[in-house]
Amino acid sequence: MKIARDCLTGMLVFGLLSAGCALRSPLHPEAVRLNRLGASSLAAGRLEKARVALELSLEYNPCHAEALHNLATVAYLRGELDQAEAMERRSLGCGELVQAVNGLGAVAARRGRDAEALSHFARAVQLDPGYLDARRNLIATAIRERDWDLAREQLQRLLLLAPGDPAAARLSAALPPEGRP
């Protein structure tokens, strides 16, 4: 009963209208296959093929958090920020997926809402301290916000997690020297 109530609350909060969340059924094997096809098409830059595969995956499982996040990424790359945000929120209504939290941060940052973006990126890092994309995004946004202490602290953590990270040098170069604002 509590699970159903929590799911209903999530549906109301995030505006989910699909019944897929209410059941929390295991993912259909075809939904999993189509999500993988969508993700590989996305990685190859074939956005239309990715979109079709991901939408079909969601026909099998409307509350497939990863497919919803991948579909949000397609929308983000097309500049469809309202759609990207809506898909990330639907994804979070299906389960707390760190990639979706990071995606909400990316949408907020692209809209110039850096304070909101910082909050999302910090939450993503809290959910998974080893999720490097979120940590890089947190650093870059802290730099834009001129929060040098946060940026330096997170850069140190990034370097401990991934000593050879290619983005670390670029992010480090964007910081003013220690002691200078």
Protein backbone atom coordinates (compact mmCIF):
# COMPACT_ATOMS: atom_id res chain seq x y z
CA MET A 1 0.00 0.00 0.00
CA LYS A 2 2.81 2.43 0.90
CA ILE A 3 4.59 1.72 -2.41
CA ALA A 4 1.42 2.48 -4.37
CA ARG A 5 0.84 5.68 -2.36
CA ASP A 6 4.46 6.80 -2.88
CA CYS A 7 4.22 6.07 -6.59
CA LEU A 8 0.95 8.01 -6.85
CA THR A 9 2.58 10.95 -5.06
CA GLY A 10 5.44 10.81 -7.57
CA MET A 11 2.97 10.73 -10.44
CA LEU A 12 1.20 13.81 -9.12
CA VAL A 13 4.40 15.71 -8.34
CA PHE A 14 6.04 15.03 -11.68
CA GLY A 15 2.88 15.07 -13.77
CA LEU A 16 3.15 11.44 -14.83
CA LEU A 17 0.07 10.16 -16.54
CA SER A 18 1.31 6.70 -17.44
CA ALA A 19 0.09 3.68 -15.55
CA GLY A 20 3.48 2.01 -15.89
CA CYS A 21 4.73 3.46 -12.62
CA ALA A 22 1.83 2.16 -10.59
CA LEU A 23 2.75 -1.45 -11.23
CA ARG A 24 6.55 -1.31 -11.04
CA SER A 25 6.59 -4.43 -13.21
CA PRO A 26 9.88 -5.89 -14.36
CA LEU A 27 11.14 -4.46 -17.61
CA HIS A 28 10.01 -6.28 -20.72
CA PRO A 29 13.02 -7.82 -22.54
CA GLU A 30 12.08 -5.98 -25.72
CA ALA A 31 12.01 -2.67 -23.81
CA VAL A 32 15.54 -3.39 -22.60
CA ARG A 33 16.73 -4.28 -26.13
CA LEU A 34 15.15 -1.18 -27.64
CA ASN A 35 16.63 1.03 -24.93
CA ARG A 36 20.08 -0.38 -25.73
CA LEU A 37 19.50 0.26 -29.44
CA GLY A 38 18.36 3.80 -28.63
CA ALA A 39 21.39 4.42 -26.42
CA SER A 40 23.83 3.15 -29.05
CA SER A 41 22.10 5.22 -31.75
CA LEU A 42 22.30 8.23 -29.45
CA ALA A 43 26.03 7.67 -28.89
CA ALA A 44 26.51 7.47 -32.66
CA GLY A 45 24.64 10.75 -33.18
CA ARG A 46 21.66 9.12 -34.92
CA LEU A 47 19.08 11.09 -32.96
CA GLU A 48 16.00 10.17 -35.00
CA LYS A 49 16.73 6.44 -34.83
CA ALA A 50 17.39 6.81 -31.10
CA ARG A 51 14.11 8.67 -30.59
CA VAL A 52 12.07 6.02 -32.38
CA ALA A 53 13.73 3.11 -30.53
CA LEU A 54 13.33 4.81 -27.16
CA GLU A 55 9.69 5.72 -27.72
CA LEU A 56 9.02 2.10 -28.72
CA SER A 57 10.82 0.92 -25.58
CA LEU A 58 8.45 3.11 -23.57
CA GLU A 59 5.45 1.50 -25.25
CA TYR A 60 6.54 -1.74 -23.57
CA ASN A 61 7.34 -0.08 -20.22
CA PRO A 62 6.07 3.50 -19.84
CA CYS A 63 8.01 3.89 -16.60
CA HIS A 64 11.43 2.76 -17.91
CA ALA A 65 13.61 5.36 -16.16
CA GLU A 66 16.69 4.81 -18.32
CA ALA A 67 14.75 5.01 -21.60
CA LEU A 68 13.05 8.19 -20.40
CA HIS A 69 16.44 9.70 -19.53
CA ASN A 70 17.87 8.69 -22.92
CA LEU A 71 14.86 10.25 -24.65
CA ALA A 72 15.45 13.40 -22.59
CA THR A 73 19.04 13.42 -23.87
CA VAL A 74 17.79 13.26 -27.47
CA ALA A 75 15.51 16.25 -26.78
CA TYR A 76 18.36 18.13 -25.06
CA LEU A 77 20.67 17.62 -28.03
CA ARG A 78 17.94 18.91 -30.34
CA GLY A 79 17.55 22.02 -28.19
CA GLU A 80 14.07 20.96 -27.04
CA LEU A 81 14.64 21.95 -23.42
CA ASP A 82 11.01 21.82 -22.25
CA GLN A 83 10.71 18.28 -23.58
CA ALA A 84 14.09 17.30 -22.08
CA GLU A 85 13.09 18.60 -18.66
CA ALA A 86 9.71 16.85 -18.81
CA MET A 87 11.34 13.53 -19.73
CA GLU A 88 13.94 13.81 -16.96
CA ARG A 89 11.16 14.52 -14.44
CA ARG A 90 9.17 11.52 -15.71
CA SER A 91 12.33 9.43 -15.37
CA LEU A 92 12.74 10.53 -11.75
CA GLY A 93 9.10 9.62 -11.13
CA CYS A 94 10.02 6.06 -12.05
CA GLY A 95 13.08 5.87 -9.80
CA GLU A 96 15.97 8.02 -8.65
CA LEU A 97 18.33 7.80 -11.61
CA VAL A 98 21.49 9.83 -11.11
CA GLN A 99 21.74 10.51 -14.84
CA ALA A 100 18.29 12.13 -14.79
CA VAL A 101 19.24 14.38 -11.87
CA ASN A 102 22.37 15.38 -13.79
CA GLY A 103 20.21 15.93 -16.89
CA LEU A 104 17.97 18.35 -15.01
CA GLY A 105 21.11 20.23 -14.03
CA ALA A 106 22.24 20.37 -17.65
CA VAL A 107 18.86 21.76 -18.74
CA ALA A 108 18.94 24.38 -15.97
CA ALA A 109 22.52 25.36 -16.85
CA ARG A 110 21.69 25.68 -20.55
CA ARG A 111 18.83 28.00 -19.58
CA GLY A 112 21.24 30.12 -17.53
CA ARG A 113 19.77 29.04 -14.18
CA ASP A 114 23.11 28.20 -12.59
CA ALA A 115 21.92 28.20 -8.96
CA GLU A 116 19.32 25.56 -9.85
CA ALA A 117 21.89 23.66 -11.90
CA LEU A 118 24.32 23.63 -8.95
CA SER A 119 21.62 22.10 -6.78
CA HIS A 120 20.92 19.31 -9.29
CA PHE A 121 24.61 18.56 -9.88
CA ALA A 122 25.30 18.49 -6.14
CA ARG A 123 22.39 16.06 -5.68
CA ALA A 124 23.71 13.84 -8.48
CA VAL A 125 27.17 13.75 -6.87
CA GLN A 126 25.53 12.95 -3.54
CA LEU A 127 23.65 10.04 -5.13
CA ASP A 128 26.77 8.69 -6.84
CA PRO A 129 30.10 10.27 -5.83
CA GLY A 130 31.82 8.43 -8.68
CA TYR A 131 29.56 9.79 -11.42
CA LEU A 132 32.21 11.94 -13.12
CA ASP A 133 29.91 13.77 -15.55
CA ALA A 134 27.94 15.26 -12.65
CA ARG A 135 31.12 16.18 -10.78
CA ARG A 136 32.56 17.91 -13.90
CA ASN A 137 29.28 19.76 -14.38
CA LEU A 138 29.28 20.80 -10.72
CA ILE A 139 32.82 22.20 -11.09
CA ALA A 140 32.06 24.04 -14.34
CA THR A 141 28.91 25.58 -12.89
CA ALA A 142 30.69 26.57 -9.66
CA ILE A 143 33.31 28.32 -11.81
CA ARG A 144 30.61 30.23 -13.73
CA GLU A 145 29.07 31.21 -10.39
CA ARG A 146 32.54 32.24 -9.14
CA ASP A 147 32.25 29.83 -6.21
CA TRP A 148 35.98 29.18 -6.20
CA ASP A 149 36.02 27.18 -2.95
CA LEU A 150 33.41 24.73 -4.21
CA ALA A 151 35.11 24.45 -7.59
CA ARG A 152 38.54 23.76 -6.04
CA GLU A 153 37.15 21.22 -3.57
CA GLN A 154 35.30 19.33 -6.29
CA LEU A 155 38.31 19.50 -8.63
CA GLN A 156 40.45 17.87 -5.93
CA ARG A 157 37.86 15.11 -5.60
CA LEU A 158 37.69 14.67 -9.36
CA LEU A 159 41.46 14.27 -9.52
CA LEU A 160 41.37 11.67 -6.74
CA LEU A 161 38.65 9.72 -8.54
CA ALA A 162 40.12 10.05 -12.04
CA PRO A 163 43.75 11.26 -11.94
CA GLY A 164 44.10 11.39 -15.73
CA ASP A 165 40.75 13.02 -16.42
CA PRO A 166 41.21 15.21 -19.53
CA ALA A 167 38.59 17.74 -18.41
CA ALA A 168 40.42 18.39 -15.12
CA ALA A 169 43.18 20.45 -16.78
CA ARG A 170 40.62 22.62 -18.62
CA LEU A 171 38.59 23.13 -15.46
CA SER A 172 41.71 23.87 -13.43
CA ALA A 173 42.83 26.49 -15.97
CA ALA A 174 39.49 28.27 -15.55
CA LEU A 175 40.12 28.81 -11.84
CA PRO A 176 41.96 31.95 -10.66
CA PRO A 177 45.20 31.33 -8.78
CA GLU A 178 44.75 30.51 -5.09
CA GLY A 179 44.24 33.65 -3.00
CA ARG A 180 43.01 35.77 -5.94
CA PRO A 181 39.23 36.29 -6.48
